Amino acid sequence: MGLFSKDIKNLEDLYQHGLKDIYYAENQIVKSLPDMIENATNAELKRGLQQHLRETKEQVRRLEQVFALHGERPSGTKCPAIDGIIKEGGDLMGEVEDKAVLNVGIIAAAQAVEHYEITRYGALIAWAQELGHGEDATILARNLSEEKAADKKLTALADRRVNPKSARRAGKSTGARASHPRRAKPRRAAASRRKPAQKKKTARRSS
């Protein structure tokens, strides 16, 4: 059943389809993360991916709770979008020889996955709230929070890895400004020097 299939007749149908979509996506991510972990050579990146693998497994379990709330057996709908994102990341890991560059590529591939999940969870939460599925929304919000946190950590890691020199320069510039504060210009002294000239002009006019 596609996203715009005629089988989706109302918002509830769309919501249920979205749950199956993200359930499929999370399970595919659980399968793909070990390859990223194995290829990553940066220790911090490797630890971050390992942590997110544990989080993703827990997210799958939470989604199963949501299915249970509706009396449904957990099932996934094949999602070409996540399949394409994961395949692109896998292809990239097979093409890059330089390990440092590979780490940068893995970060980008992981963030592409995170951004997909963030948009999906955001939509699902909005639909759940509109449909009155408050407990669903609470559970899904926990998954969304973890995805946003993972994306933020990846961004911070990329900034430190890709552009560390600019960060150091910014720190030095800030320190220099703090140690050498700007001095105020002696405006009053300048003003006092101009006053005698004005008095001379007045004296000439009176004579």
N, C-alpha and C. Protein backbone atom coordinates (compact mmCIF):
# COMPACT_ATOMS: atom_id res chain seq x y z
N MET A 1 0.85 -1.20 0.00
CA MET A 1 0.00 0.00 0.00
C MET A 1 0.88 1.24 0.00
N GLY A 2 0.78 2.07 -1.02
CA GLY A 2 1.58 3.28 -1.10
C GLY A 2 1.01 4.38 -0.24
N LEU A 3 1.80 5.44 -0.07
CA LEU A 3 1.39 6.54 0.78
C LEU A 3 0.12 7.19 0.27
N PHE A 4 -0.04 7.27 -1.05
CA PHE A 4 -1.21 7.91 -1.63
C PHE A 4 -2.16 6.87 -2.25
N SER A 5 -2.17 5.69 -1.67
CA SER A 5 -3.05 4.63 -2.14
C SER A 5 -4.51 4.97 -1.84
N LYS A 6 -5.40 4.45 -2.66
CA LYS A 6 -6.83 4.65 -2.41
C LYS A 6 -7.30 3.90 -1.17
N ASP A 7 -6.44 2.98 -0.66
CA ASP A 7 -6.79 2.27 0.56
C ASP A 7 -6.75 3.19 1.77
N ILE A 8 -6.09 4.35 1.64
CA ILE A 8 -6.05 5.33 2.73
C ILE A 8 -7.19 6.31 2.51
N LYS A 9 -8.24 6.11 3.30
CA LYS A 9 -9.47 6.89 3.11
C LYS A 9 -9.62 8.04 4.10
N ASN A 10 -8.93 7.96 5.21
CA ASN A 10 -9.09 9.00 6.23
C ASN A 10 -7.79 9.13 7.02
N LEU A 11 -7.79 10.05 8.00
CA LEU A 11 -6.57 10.32 8.76
C LEU A 11 -6.15 9.10 9.59
N GLU A 12 -7.09 8.35 10.08
CA GLU A 12 -6.75 7.15 10.87
C GLU A 12 -6.01 6.14 10.01
N ASP A 13 -6.48 5.97 8.76
CA ASP A 13 -5.78 5.06 7.84
C ASP A 13 -4.35 5.56 7.58
N LEU A 14 -4.22 6.87 7.39
CA LEU A 14 -2.90 7.44 7.14
C LEU A 14 -1.99 7.25 8.34
N TYR A 15 -2.55 7.42 9.53
CA TYR A 15 -1.78 7.25 10.77
C TYR A 15 -1.29 5.81 10.91
N GLN A 16 -2.17 4.86 10.70
CA GLN A 16 -1.81 3.45 10.82
C GLN A 16 -0.74 3.07 9.79
N HIS A 17 -0.88 3.63 8.59
CA HIS A 17 0.14 3.38 7.57
C HIS A 17 1.48 3.97 7.99
N GLY A 18 1.44 5.16 8.59
CA GLY A 18 2.67 5.80 9.05
C GLY A 18 3.37 4.99 10.13
N LEU A 19 2.59 4.39 11.02
CA LEU A 19 3.17 3.54 12.06
C LEU A 19 3.91 2.35 11.46
N LYS A 20 3.30 1.75 10.45
CA LYS A 20 3.94 0.60 9.79
C LYS A 20 5.18 1.04 9.03
N ASP A 21 5.12 2.23 8.47
CA ASP A 21 6.26 2.78 7.74
C ASP A 21 7.45 2.96 8.68
N ILE A 22 7.24 3.61 9.83
CA ILE A 22 8.36 3.88 10.74
C ILE A 22 8.82 2.60 11.44
N TYR A 23 7.91 1.65 11.62
CA TYR A 23 8.31 0.38 12.23
C TYR A 23 9.25 -0.37 11.29
N TYR A 24 8.93 -0.36 10.00
CA TYR A 24 9.81 -0.96 9.02
C TYR A 24 11.16 -0.24 9.01
N ALA A 25 11.11 1.11 9.01
CA ALA A 25 12.34 1.91 8.95
C ALA A 25 13.24 1.62 10.14
N GLU A 26 12.68 1.59 11.34
CA GLU A 26 13.50 1.36 12.54
C GLU A 26 14.16 -0.02 12.50
N ASN A 27 13.45 -1.00 12.02
CA ASN A 27 14.04 -2.35 11.94
C ASN A 27 15.15 -2.41 10.89
N GLN A 28 15.00 -1.67 9.81
CA GLN A 28 16.07 -1.62 8.81
C GLN A 28 17.29 -0.90 9.35
N ILE A 29 17.05 0.11 10.17
CA ILE A 29 18.17 0.85 10.77
C ILE A 29 18.92 -0.03 11.76
N VAL A 30 18.20 -0.84 12.52
CA VAL A 30 18.85 -1.79 13.44
C VAL A 30 19.79 -2.72 12.67
N LYS A 31 19.39 -3.10 11.46
CA LYS A 31 20.22 -3.99 10.65
C LYS A 31 21.42 -3.27 10.04
N SER A 32 21.28 -1.97 9.75
CA SER A 32 22.35 -1.24 9.04
C SER A 32 23.39 -0.62 9.98
N LEU A 33 23.01 -0.28 11.20
CA LEU A 33 23.95 0.38 12.11
C LEU A 33 25.21 -0.42 12.41
N PRO A 34 25.14 -1.75 12.56
CA PRO A 34 26.39 -2.49 12.82
C PRO A 34 27.46 -2.29 11.75
N ASP A 35 27.06 -2.12 10.48
CA ASP A 35 28.04 -1.87 9.42
C ASP A 35 28.70 -0.51 9.60
N MET A 36 27.91 0.49 9.97
CA MET A 36 28.47 1.82 10.23
C MET A 36 29.44 1.77 11.40
N ILE A 37 29.05 1.05 12.44
CA ILE A 37 29.91 0.93 13.62
C ILE A 37 31.23 0.26 13.26
N GLU A 38 31.16 -0.79 12.45
CA GLU A 38 32.37 -1.51 12.06
C GLU A 38 33.30 -0.65 11.22
N ASN A 39 32.74 0.18 10.35
CA ASN A 39 33.56 1.00 9.44
C ASN A 39 34.08 2.27 10.09
N ALA A 40 33.42 2.74 11.14
CA ALA A 40 33.86 3.98 11.80
C ALA A 40 35.19 3.75 12.51
N THR A 41 36.15 4.65 12.30
CA THR A 41 37.44 4.55 12.98
C THR A 41 37.60 5.59 14.08
N ASN A 42 36.75 6.62 14.06
CA ASN A 42 36.77 7.62 15.12
C ASN A 42 36.10 7.03 16.36
N ALA A 43 36.81 7.02 17.49
CA ALA A 43 36.31 6.36 18.70
C ALA A 43 35.01 6.98 19.19
N GLU A 44 34.93 8.30 19.16
CA GLU A 44 33.71 8.97 19.64
C GLU A 44 32.53 8.66 18.74
N LEU A 45 32.76 8.64 17.44
CA LEU A 45 31.70 8.31 16.49
C LEU A 45 31.24 6.88 16.69
N LYS A 46 32.18 5.97 16.87
CA LYS A 46 31.83 4.56 17.08
C LYS A 46 30.97 4.39 18.33
N ARG A 47 31.36 5.06 19.42
CA ARG A 47 30.58 4.96 20.67
C ARG A 47 29.18 5.55 20.48
N GLY A 48 29.11 6.66 19.75
CA GLY A 48 27.81 7.29 19.52
C GLY A 48 26.87 6.40 18.72
N LEU A 49 27.41 5.73 17.72
CA LEU A 49 26.59 4.82 16.90
C LEU A 49 26.16 3.60 17.71
N GLN A 50 27.05 3.12 18.56
CA GLN A 50 26.69 1.98 19.42
C GLN A 50 25.56 2.35 20.37
N GLN A 51 25.65 3.55 20.93
CA GLN A 51 24.59 4.01 21.82
C GLN A 51 23.27 4.14 21.07
N HIS A 52 23.34 4.67 19.84
CA HIS A 52 22.09 4.85 19.09
C HIS A 52 21.51 3.52 18.62
N LEU A 53 22.34 2.52 18.43
CA LEU A 53 21.83 1.19 18.11
C LEU A 53 20.99 0.67 19.27
N ARG A 54 21.49 0.87 20.48
CA ARG A 54 20.71 0.45 21.66
C ARG A 54 19.40 1.23 21.75
N GLU A 55 19.48 2.53 21.47
CA GLU A 55 18.27 3.36 21.50
C GLU A 55 17.27 2.92 20.44
N THR A 56 17.76 2.59 19.25
CA THR A 56 16.88 2.20 18.16
C THR A 56 16.15 0.89 18.48
N LYS A 57 16.83 -0.03 19.10
CA LYS A 57 16.17 -1.28 19.51
C LYS A 57 15.05 -0.99 20.51
N GLU A 58 15.29 -0.04 21.41
CA GLU A 58 14.26 0.36 22.37
C GLU A 58 13.11 1.08 21.67
N GLN A 59 13.43 1.85 20.63
CA GLN A 59 12.39 2.53 19.87
C GLN A 59 11.47 1.54 19.16
N VAL A 60 12.05 0.46 18.68
CA VAL A 60 11.24 -0.61 18.07
C VAL A 60 10.28 -1.18 19.10
N ARG A 61 10.79 -1.39 20.30
CA ARG A 61 9.94 -1.94 21.36
C ARG A 61 8.80 -0.98 21.70
N ARG A 62 9.08 0.32 21.71
CA ARG A 62 8.03 1.30 22.00
C ARG A 62 6.96 1.30 20.91
N LEU A 63 7.41 1.19 19.66
CA LEU A 63 6.44 1.13 18.56
C LEU A 63 5.54 -0.09 18.70
N GLU A 64 6.09 -1.18 19.17
CA GLU A 64 5.29 -2.38 19.40
C GLU A 64 4.24 -2.13 20.48
N GLN A 65 4.58 -1.28 21.47
CA GLN A 65 3.61 -0.89 22.49
C GLN A 65 2.45 -0.12 21.85
N VAL A 66 2.77 0.75 20.90
CA VAL A 66 1.73 1.53 20.24
C VAL A 66 0.80 0.61 19.45
N PHE A 67 1.37 -0.35 18.73
CA PHE A 67 0.53 -1.31 18.01
C PHE A 67 -0.39 -2.05 18.99
N ALA A 68 0.15 -2.43 20.14
CA ALA A 68 -0.63 -3.16 21.13
C ALA A 68 -1.80 -2.33 21.65
N LEU A 69 -1.60 -1.02 21.77
CA LEU A 69 -2.69 -0.14 22.23
C LEU A 69 -3.88 -0.17 21.28
N HIS A 70 -3.62 -0.51 20.03
CA HIS A 70 -4.69 -0.58 19.02
C HIS A 70 -5.13 -2.01 18.75
N GLY A 71 -4.59 -2.94 19.56
CA GLY A 71 -4.95 -4.33 19.36
C GLY A 71 -4.41 -4.91 18.07
N GLU A 72 -3.31 -4.33 17.58
CA GLU A 72 -2.72 -4.76 16.32
C GLU A 72 -1.40 -5.48 16.55
N ARG A 73 -1.14 -6.44 15.67
CA ARG A 73 0.16 -7.11 15.68
C ARG A 73 1.16 -6.22 14.95
N PRO A 74 2.36 -6.01 15.52
CA PRO A 74 3.35 -5.15 14.86
C PRO A 74 3.70 -5.66 13.46
N SER A 75 3.66 -4.76 12.51
CA SER A 75 4.04 -5.12 11.14
C SER A 75 4.54 -3.87 10.43
N GLY A 76 5.38 -4.09 9.43
CA GLY A 76 5.96 -2.97 8.71
C GLY A 76 5.50 -2.92 7.27
N THR A 77 5.53 -1.72 6.72
CA THR A 77 5.25 -1.49 5.31
C THR A 77 6.55 -1.09 4.64
N LYS A 78 6.91 -1.78 3.58
CA LYS A 78 8.18 -1.49 2.90
C LYS A 78 8.25 -0.02 2.53
N CYS A 79 9.38 0.60 2.89
CA CYS A 79 9.56 2.04 2.69
C CYS A 79 10.73 2.30 1.76
N PRO A 80 10.46 2.63 0.49
CA PRO A 80 11.55 2.89 -0.45
C PRO A 80 12.46 4.05 -0.01
N ALA A 81 11.91 5.01 0.73
CA ALA A 81 12.70 6.18 1.14
C ALA A 81 13.85 5.76 2.06
N ILE A 82 13.54 5.04 3.13
CA ILE A 82 14.60 4.64 4.06
C ILE A 82 15.53 3.63 3.42
N ASP A 83 14.98 2.76 2.56
CA ASP A 83 15.84 1.80 1.85
C ASP A 83 16.87 2.54 1.00
N GLY A 84 16.44 3.62 0.33
CA GLY A 84 17.35 4.38 -0.52
C GLY A 84 18.42 5.11 0.30
N ILE A 85 18.02 5.67 1.44
CA ILE A 85 18.97 6.39 2.29
C ILE A 85 20.03 5.43 2.83
N ILE A 86 19.58 4.25 3.27
CA ILE A 86 20.52 3.27 3.82
C ILE A 86 21.44 2.73 2.73
N LYS A 87 20.89 2.48 1.55
CA LYS A 87 21.71 1.98 0.43
C LYS A 87 22.77 3.01 0.04
N GLU A 88 22.39 4.27 0.01
CA GLU A 88 23.35 5.31 -0.34
C GLU A 88 24.50 5.35 0.65
N GLY A 89 24.17 5.21 1.95
CA GLY A 89 25.21 5.19 2.97
C GLY A 89 26.12 3.98 2.82
N GLY A 90 25.53 2.83 2.50
CA GLY A 90 26.33 1.62 2.30
C GLY A 90 27.25 1.73 1.09
N ASP A 91 26.74 2.31 0.02
CA ASP A 91 27.57 2.51 -1.18
C ASP A 91 28.74 3.44 -0.88
N LEU A 92 28.46 4.48 -0.10
CA LEU A 92 29.50 5.44 0.24
C LEU A 92 30.63 4.78 1.02
N MET A 93 30.28 3.93 1.98
CA MET A 93 31.30 3.27 2.79
C MET A 93 32.19 2.36 1.95
N GLY A 94 31.66 1.87 0.83
CA GLY A 94 32.45 1.00 -0.03
C GLY A 94 33.32 1.75 -1.02
N GLU A 95 33.14 3.07 -1.11
CA GLU A 95 33.86 3.85 -2.12
C GLU A 95 34.97 4.73 -1.54
N VAL A 96 34.92 5.01 -0.25
CA VAL A 96 35.89 5.93 0.36
C VAL A 96 37.04 5.15 0.99
N GLU A 97 38.27 5.46 0.59
CA GLU A 97 39.44 4.76 1.13
C GLU A 97 40.02 5.47 2.35
N ASP A 98 40.08 6.79 2.31
CA ASP A 98 40.65 7.55 3.42
C ASP A 98 39.76 7.42 4.65
N LYS A 99 40.33 6.95 5.75
CA LYS A 99 39.55 6.66 6.95
C LYS A 99 38.94 7.92 7.56
N ALA A 100 39.70 9.02 7.55
CA ALA A 100 39.18 10.26 8.12
C ALA A 100 37.99 10.77 7.31
N VAL A 101 38.11 10.69 5.98
CA VAL A 101 37.02 11.10 5.11
C VAL A 101 35.83 10.15 5.29
N LEU A 102 36.11 8.87 5.48
CA LEU A 102 35.05 7.89 5.68
C LEU A 102 34.22 8.23 6.92
N ASN A 103 34.89 8.65 7.98
CA ASN A 103 34.17 9.03 9.20
C ASN A 103 33.21 10.18 8.94
N VAL A 104 33.67 11.16 8.15
CA VAL A 104 32.83 12.29 7.80
C VAL A 104 31.61 11.81 7.00
N GLY A 105 31.86 10.90 6.06
CA GLY A 105 30.77 10.35 5.26
C GLY A 105 29.76 9.57 6.09
N ILE A 106 30.25 8.83 7.06
CA ILE A 106 29.36 8.06 7.93
C ILE A 106 28.46 9.00 8.74
N ILE A 107 29.05 10.10 9.23
CA ILE A 107 28.25 11.09 9.96
C ILE A 107 27.13 11.63 9.08
N ALA A 108 27.46 11.97 7.84
CA ALA A 108 26.46 12.51 6.92
C ALA A 108 25.37 11.48 6.63
N ALA A 109 25.77 10.22 6.43
CA ALA A 109 24.79 9.17 6.16
C ALA A 109 23.88 8.94 7.36
N ALA A 110 24.47 8.96 8.56
CA ALA A 110 23.67 8.76 9.78
C ALA A 110 22.70 9.91 9.98
N GLN A 111 23.12 11.13 9.66
CA GLN A 111 22.23 12.27 9.82
C GLN A 111 21.09 12.25 8.80
N ALA A 112 21.34 11.72 7.63
CA ALA A 112 20.27 11.59 6.64
C ALA A 112 19.17 10.67 7.19
N VAL A 113 19.58 9.61 7.85
CA VAL A 113 18.62 8.69 8.48
C VAL A 113 17.86 9.41 9.60
N GLU A 114 18.59 10.15 10.43
CA GLU A 114 17.95 10.86 11.55
C GLU A 114 16.92 11.86 11.05
N HIS A 115 17.25 12.59 10.00
CA HIS A 115 16.33 13.61 9.50
C HIS A 115 15.04 12.97 8.96
N TYR A 116 15.18 11.82 8.33
CA TYR A 116 13.99 11.12 7.86
C TYR A 116 13.11 10.72 9.05
N GLU A 117 13.73 10.17 10.07
CA GLU A 117 12.97 9.73 11.24
C GLU A 117 12.31 10.91 11.96
N ILE A 118 13.03 12.01 12.07
CA ILE A 118 12.49 13.18 12.75
C ILE A 118 11.21 13.67 12.06
N THR A 119 11.23 13.73 10.73
CA THR A 119 10.04 14.20 10.01
C THR A 119 8.89 13.21 10.17
N ARG A 120 9.18 11.92 10.15
CA ARG A 120 8.13 10.91 10.28
C ARG A 120 7.50 10.95 11.67
N TYR A 121 8.33 11.00 12.70
CA TYR A 121 7.80 11.04 14.06
C TYR A 121 7.02 12.32 14.32
N GLY A 122 7.50 13.43 13.77
CA GLY A 122 6.79 14.69 13.94
C GLY A 122 5.38 14.62 13.37
N ALA A 123 5.24 14.04 12.18
CA ALA A 123 3.92 13.90 11.56
C ALA A 123 3.04 12.93 12.36
N LEU A 124 3.61 11.81 12.77
CA LEU A 124 2.83 10.82 13.52
C LEU A 124 2.30 11.38 14.83
N ILE A 125 3.12 12.16 15.51
CA ILE A 125 2.68 12.75 16.79
C ILE A 125 1.53 13.72 16.56
N ALA A 126 1.64 14.53 15.52
CA ALA A 126 0.57 15.49 15.21
C ALA A 126 -0.73 14.75 14.87
N TRP A 127 -0.63 13.70 14.08
CA TRP A 127 -1.83 12.93 13.72
C TRP A 127 -2.42 12.23 14.94
N ALA A 128 -1.56 11.66 15.78
CA ALA A 128 -2.05 10.97 16.98
C ALA A 128 -2.81 11.93 17.88
N GLN A 129 -2.29 13.13 18.04
CA GLN A 129 -2.96 14.11 18.89
C GLN A 129 -4.30 14.52 18.30
N GLU A 130 -4.36 14.71 17.00
CA GLU A 130 -5.62 15.10 16.35
C GLU A 130 -6.66 13.99 16.44
N LEU A 131 -6.20 12.74 16.40
CA LEU A 131 -7.11 11.60 16.46
C LEU A 131 -7.48 11.21 17.88
N GLY A 132 -6.88 11.87 18.87
CA GLY A 132 -7.19 11.56 20.26
C GLY A 132 -6.40 10.40 20.82
N HIS A 133 -5.30 10.02 20.16
CA HIS A 133 -4.46 8.93 20.65
C HIS A 133 -3.34 9.53 21.53
N GLY A 134 -3.72 10.03 22.67
CA GLY A 134 -2.78 10.72 23.53
C GLY A 134 -1.64 9.85 24.02
N GLU A 135 -1.94 8.60 24.36
CA GLU A 135 -0.89 7.70 24.86
C GLU A 135 0.10 7.38 23.75
N ASP A 136 -0.42 7.23 22.54
CA ASP A 136 0.48 7.02 21.38
C ASP A 136 1.45 8.19 21.25
N ALA A 137 0.91 9.40 21.32
CA ALA A 137 1.72 10.60 21.12
C ALA A 137 2.83 10.68 22.16
N THR A 138 2.52 10.30 23.40
CA THR A 138 3.53 10.34 24.46
C THR A 138 4.67 9.38 24.18
N ILE A 139 4.33 8.18 23.74
CA ILE A 139 5.34 7.16 23.44
C ILE A 139 6.18 7.59 22.24
N LEU A 140 5.52 8.08 21.20
CA LEU A 140 6.23 8.48 19.99
C LEU A 140 7.14 9.69 20.25
N ALA A 141 6.72 10.55 21.18
CA ALA A 141 7.53 11.73 21.51
C ALA A 141 8.86 11.33 22.13
N ARG A 142 8.89 10.24 22.85
CA ARG A 142 10.16 9.76 23.43
C ARG A 142 11.12 9.35 22.32
N ASN A 143 10.60 8.67 21.30
CA ASN A 143 11.45 8.29 20.17
C ASN A 143 11.95 9.54 19.44
N LEU A 144 11.06 10.51 19.24
CA LEU A 144 11.45 11.73 18.55
C LEU A 144 12.54 12.47 19.31
N SER A 145 12.42 12.52 20.62
CA SER A 145 13.41 13.20 21.45
C SER A 145 14.79 12.56 21.29
N GLU A 146 14.84 11.25 21.24
CA GLU A 146 16.12 10.55 21.06
C GLU A 146 16.71 10.79 19.68
N GLU A 147 15.84 10.86 18.66
CA GLU A 147 16.34 11.11 17.31
C GLU A 147 16.95 12.51 17.21
N LYS A 148 16.29 13.49 17.81
CA LYS A 148 16.81 14.86 17.78
C LYS A 148 18.14 14.96 18.54
N ALA A 149 18.23 14.26 19.68
CA ALA A 149 19.46 14.28 20.45
C ALA A 149 20.60 13.63 19.68
N ALA A 150 20.32 12.53 18.99
CA ALA A 150 21.34 11.85 18.18
C ALA A 150 21.82 12.76 17.05
N ASP A 151 20.89 13.45 16.40
CA ASP A 151 21.25 14.36 15.32
C ASP A 151 22.12 15.50 15.82
N LYS A 152 21.78 16.03 17.00
CA LYS A 152 22.56 17.12 17.59
C LYS A 152 23.98 16.68 17.91
N LYS A 153 24.13 15.46 18.43
CA LYS A 153 25.46 14.94 18.75
C LYS A 153 26.29 14.74 17.48
N LEU A 154 25.65 14.26 16.43
CA LEU A 154 26.36 14.06 15.17
C LEU A 154 26.83 15.41 14.59
N THR A 155 25.98 16.43 14.71
CA THR A 155 26.36 17.76 14.23
C THR A 155 27.56 18.29 14.99
N ALA A 156 27.54 18.15 16.31
CA ALA A 156 28.66 18.61 17.13
C ALA A 156 29.94 17.87 16.79
N LEU A 157 29.84 16.56 16.56
CA LEU A 157 31.00 15.77 16.20
C LEU A 157 31.54 16.18 14.84
N ALA A 158 30.66 16.44 13.90
CA ALA A 158 31.08 16.87 12.56
C ALA A 158 31.78 18.22 12.63
N ASP A 159 31.27 19.14 13.44
CA ASP A 159 31.89 20.45 13.57
C ASP A 159 33.31 20.35 14.13
N ARG A 160 33.49 19.50 15.13
CA ARG A 160 34.81 19.34 15.73
C ARG A 160 35.77 18.64 14.78
N ARG A 161 35.25 17.70 14.02
CA ARG A 161 36.10 16.91 13.12
C ARG A 161 36.42 17.68 11.83
N VAL A 162 35.43 18.35 11.26
CA VAL A 162 35.60 18.96 9.95
C VAL A 162 36.22 20.35 10.04
N ASN A 163 35.91 21.10 11.06
CA ASN A 163 36.39 22.48 11.12
C ASN A 163 36.95 22.84 12.49
N PRO A 164 37.90 22.06 13.00
CA PRO A 164 38.43 22.34 14.34
C PRO A 164 39.26 23.61 14.39
N LYS A 165 39.95 23.97 13.29
CA LYS A 165 40.83 25.14 13.29
C LYS A 165 40.03 26.42 13.47
N SER A 166 38.86 26.49 12.82
CA SER A 166 38.06 27.71 12.94
C SER A 166 37.55 27.86 14.36
N ALA A 167 37.26 26.75 15.02
CA ALA A 167 36.80 26.82 16.40
C ALA A 167 37.90 27.35 17.30
N ARG A 168 39.16 26.92 17.04
CA ARG A 168 40.29 27.41 17.84
C ARG A 168 40.54 28.89 17.58
N ARG A 169 40.43 29.29 16.29
CA ARG A 169 40.63 30.70 15.96
C ARG A 169 39.59 31.58 16.64
N ALA A 170 38.34 31.09 16.66
CA ALA A 170 37.28 31.85 17.30
C ALA A 170 37.55 32.00 18.78
N GLY A 171 38.08 30.96 19.40
CA GLY A 171 38.40 31.02 20.82
C GLY A 171 39.51 32.00 21.10
N LYS A 172 40.55 32.01 20.24
CA LYS A 172 41.66 32.94 20.42
C LYS A 172 41.21 34.38 20.23
N SER A 173 40.34 34.60 19.24
CA SER A 173 39.86 35.95 18.97
C SER A 173 39.06 36.48 20.15
N THR A 174 38.22 35.63 20.72
CA THR A 174 37.42 36.02 21.87
C THR A 174 38.31 36.34 23.06
N GLY A 175 39.36 35.51 23.26
CA GLY A 175 40.28 35.74 24.37
C GLY A 175 41.05 37.02 24.21
N ALA A 176 41.43 37.33 22.97
CA ALA A 176 42.17 38.55 22.72
C ALA A 176 41.33 39.78 23.03
N ARG A 177 40.05 39.74 22.63
CA ARG A 177 39.17 40.87 22.89
C ARG A 177 38.95 41.05 24.38
N ALA A 178 38.90 39.93 25.11
CA ALA A 178 38.68 40.02 26.56
C ALA A 178 39.89 40.58 27.28
N SER A 179 41.12 40.23 26.83
CA SER A 179 42.34 40.67 27.50
C SER A 179 42.74 42.08 27.12
N HIS A 180 42.24 42.59 25.97
CA HIS A 180 42.57 43.94 25.53
C HIS A 180 41.28 44.71 25.24
N PRO A 181 40.61 45.17 26.29
CA PRO A 181 39.35 45.91 26.07
C PRO A 181 39.61 47.21 25.36
N ARG A 182 38.65 47.63 24.56
CA ARG A 182 38.79 48.88 23.82
C ARG A 182 38.69 50.07 24.78
N ARG A 183 39.54 51.06 24.53
CA ARG A 183 39.54 52.25 25.36
C ARG A 183 38.60 53.31 24.77
N ALA A 184 37.93 54.00 25.67
CA ALA A 184 37.02 55.04 25.22
C ALA A 184 37.80 56.24 24.71
N LYS A 185 37.33 56.86 23.65
CA LYS A 185 38.02 58.02 23.09
C LYS A 185 37.84 59.23 24.01
N PRO A 186 38.89 60.04 24.20
CA PRO A 186 38.80 61.22 25.09
C PRO A 186 38.03 62.36 24.43
N ARG A 187 36.70 62.16 24.29
CA ARG A 187 35.89 63.15 23.59
C ARG A 187 35.84 64.49 24.33
N ARG A 188 35.79 64.45 25.66
CA ARG A 188 35.69 65.69 26.42
C ARG A 188 36.93 66.56 26.20
N ALA A 189 38.11 65.92 26.17
CA ALA A 189 39.34 66.68 25.96
C ALA A 189 39.31 67.37 24.61
N ALA A 190 38.82 66.66 23.59
CA ALA A 190 38.75 67.24 22.26
C ALA A 190 37.80 68.41 22.25
N ALA A 191 36.67 68.26 22.95
CA ALA A 191 35.68 69.33 22.98
C ALA A 191 36.24 70.57 23.66
N SER A 192 37.03 70.36 24.74
CA SER A 192 37.59 71.50 25.48
C SER A 192 38.62 72.25 24.64
N ARG A 193 39.29 71.51 23.70
CA ARG A 193 40.28 72.17 22.86
C ARG A 193 39.62 73.06 21.80
N ARG A 194 38.35 72.68 21.43
CA ARG A 194 37.67 73.46 20.42
C ARG A 194 37.05 74.75 20.96
N LYS A 195 36.77 74.84 22.27
CA LYS A 195 36.07 75.98 22.85
C LYS A 195 36.85 77.29 22.72
N PRO A 196 38.18 77.37 22.97
CA PRO A 196 38.91 78.63 22.83
C PRO A 196 38.77 79.26 21.46
N ALA A 197 38.75 78.43 20.40
CA ALA A 197 38.61 78.95 19.04
C ALA A 197 37.28 79.65 18.88
N GLN A 198 36.21 79.11 19.47
CA GLN A 198 34.89 79.73 19.39
C GLN A 198 34.89 81.08 20.09
N LYS A 199 35.56 81.22 21.22
CA LYS A 199 35.62 82.48 21.97
C LYS A 199 36.33 83.56 21.15
N LYS A 200 37.41 83.20 20.42
CA LYS A 200 38.15 84.16 19.63
C LYS A 200 37.29 84.77 18.54
N LYS A 201 36.46 83.91 17.92
CA LYS A 201 35.58 84.40 16.85
C LYS A 201 34.57 85.38 17.40
N THR A 202 34.05 85.13 18.59
CA THR A 202 33.08 86.01 19.23
C THR A 202 33.70 87.36 19.55
N ALA A 203 34.96 87.31 20.02
CA ALA A 203 35.65 88.55 20.38
C ALA A 203 35.86 89.44 19.16
N ARG A 204 36.20 88.89 18.01
CA ARG A 204 36.40 89.67 16.81
C ARG A 204 35.13 90.34 16.34
N ARG A 205 33.96 89.64 16.49
CA ARG A 205 32.70 90.22 16.07
C ARG A 205 32.32 91.41 16.95
N SER A 206 32.59 91.35 18.25
CA SER A 206 32.23 92.43 19.19
C SER A 206 33.05 93.69 18.95
N SER A 207 34.30 93.54 18.51
CA SER A 207 35.15 94.70 18.23
C SER A 207 34.81 95.31 16.87
